[in-house]
Every structure is written in structure tokens, then in C-alpha cells.
Amino acid sequence: MRWQDLRRSRNVEDRRGMSGGGKAAVGGGLGVIVLVVLGLLMGQDPTEILGNLQGGDPTAQQSETRPAGPRPDDQMADFVTAVLGSTEDVWGRIYAENNAQYQPPTLQMFTDATQSACGGASAAMGPFYCPADQKVYIDLSFCDQLRDRFQAPGEFAVAYVVAHEVGHHVQNLMGISDQVQQQRGRLSKAEYNKLSVQLELQADFLAGVWANRANQMDNILEAGDLEAALTAANAIGDDKLQKESQGYVVPDAFTHGTSQQRMYWFKKGFQTGDLSQGRFEDIR
């Protein structure tokens, strides 16, 4: 991916190496295994997943000091900052084309654990978006897991993850997230899970739209980049993760979509670059 000349976002909180404030824990069921699997699905519904964690007061003060000097993940931090800047430029232009002004999210990079307005979070959860504070959270160690555990190497695989979380922010701005959240408690668990799947697949579609427009604007794509994103989408499908973690698949428990669905909707967004092709009611 050609990213070195991209504009760096200023909407970044770098808390790497700082104290996260509170321990994240999970209880019952499959315990930590479930936490890891759900977390690495990406783009969690924070009010459900984070609600299962015991992380202390979300407003608790975090340490403002960290060891001085360069860090091994500084280049990845620079890359993520550049990708975020690209999403701001792309969505800023799309909103302007529709006579609106884009309000970008903030991205917080953390180490091990942190506090969000949605509750405590740990590195095991993977990247997520919290609509309550309009922030994307990522522990950069996830990028290594994406390469090593999920066999999805390449910078553009990471870019897809960041763009997916920003896609959730766009959904929040559009009111789609609230509409889905309002159905919680009104529907059965299985029926609500179907809405969650639609939400996640639309975020994949929006990530594809970003890739399409970013390539038009800045010629970011190199050979193999699209394949890297599709490999990542395939690796984190509900069916694949359930099969790996428990040996069988439970479709009613899907919250993010199958590998095939995730690849399809990212690719559709990339191929069309047209928001009208990924309306929420049409996502299946």
C-alpha cells in the first residue's frame, strides 16, 4: 500500500505504554476464549460486549506518562494515523458531495487495556468503535495477531480493519446504529443478531467504499492489496471463527456475518464506490 505521502490525522490519542486503568475480565461460559473470539471479530457492539467486562469507572484517570524513546510499533502507529487521515479525506469529500459536513472520530491507540465511554477494554477484544464517545480504539498488537494468528498479512489488511471501524462511525452519524440499538429487547436474541450482522456487513461495505475513493484520490493500492483485505475479511467470518473455537457452527449466534458475506460486501463497496449500493435494508 502506498501510504507514506498520505496526510496524517490529528484526531489521534496515543496512549501506548500508559496505564489502562482497571483490569478487564470476563465471566461464565467459555471465558477468555469467547472474549478473544468475539473481540477479534472486530467492530463489536460495545454496549453488549463491553458490558460483560469488569473494568472500573469509564471516567477513571489514566496515567499521562510513558517510557521515553522510540517504540517497536512506531511505524505501525504512523501507518494507522495515515489511514485515519485518508478516511477523513474520503468521507469529508463524500459528505461535501451531499451538502453535509463530516465529523471525524478520534482514534485511541493503547497498550493492554484502556477505558472508553462504553466501559473497560482489553487488547484481547481487538479494535472496536464506541458510539458513546465517537472513538475508535486499537491496541496495535492486534496487527501482529492479524498477520500471525489469522494469516492475513499486509498493510492493507490493517487498513481494512481501521476503515471498518470508521464505517461504524459513519453509521453512527447516519443514525443507523441508534435504530439498531433501539431494537434491543424488542426482538429475540436470534432476530437481534441478524440486525447486528447487517450492521457489520454494512461497515465492511463502507470500508470498501473508502478503499475505492482513496485509490481514486491518492492511488494507494499496490498489487496484492485487495487480496490482503479479502483475506482478512475471510479470516474473521463468524462461521470460520466458530468452527475454529468450538468445532461447529451456530448460524443463529452470528453477529458479524460469514466469511463469504464479509468478503462480498467489502468487495461490493470497493467495486462500486456507491453508497446507494449498500443500503442497510438491502444488506444480507
Foldseek 3Di string as FASTA:
>chain_A
DPQPPFDFDPQEAEAAQKAAQFDWFADDDPTLLVQLLQLLLAADPLLPNQVRIDGPDLPDDIDPDGDDDDDPCPVVVRLLRRLLSLVQVQVQVVQVVVVHGDDAAHEYEYAAWHGDPSGIDGQSSAWYADLVRRYIYGHCVVLVCLCPVLVQDDSLLVSLSSQLRRLLSVCSVVCNVVVLVVCVVVDDLLVSLVLLQLSQLLSLLRSLLSLQVSCVVPVRDDPPSLVSNLSSLQSSAQQNSCCVSPNGHDNSNHRHHHSVSSSVSNVVSNVPSDSVVSDSVPRD
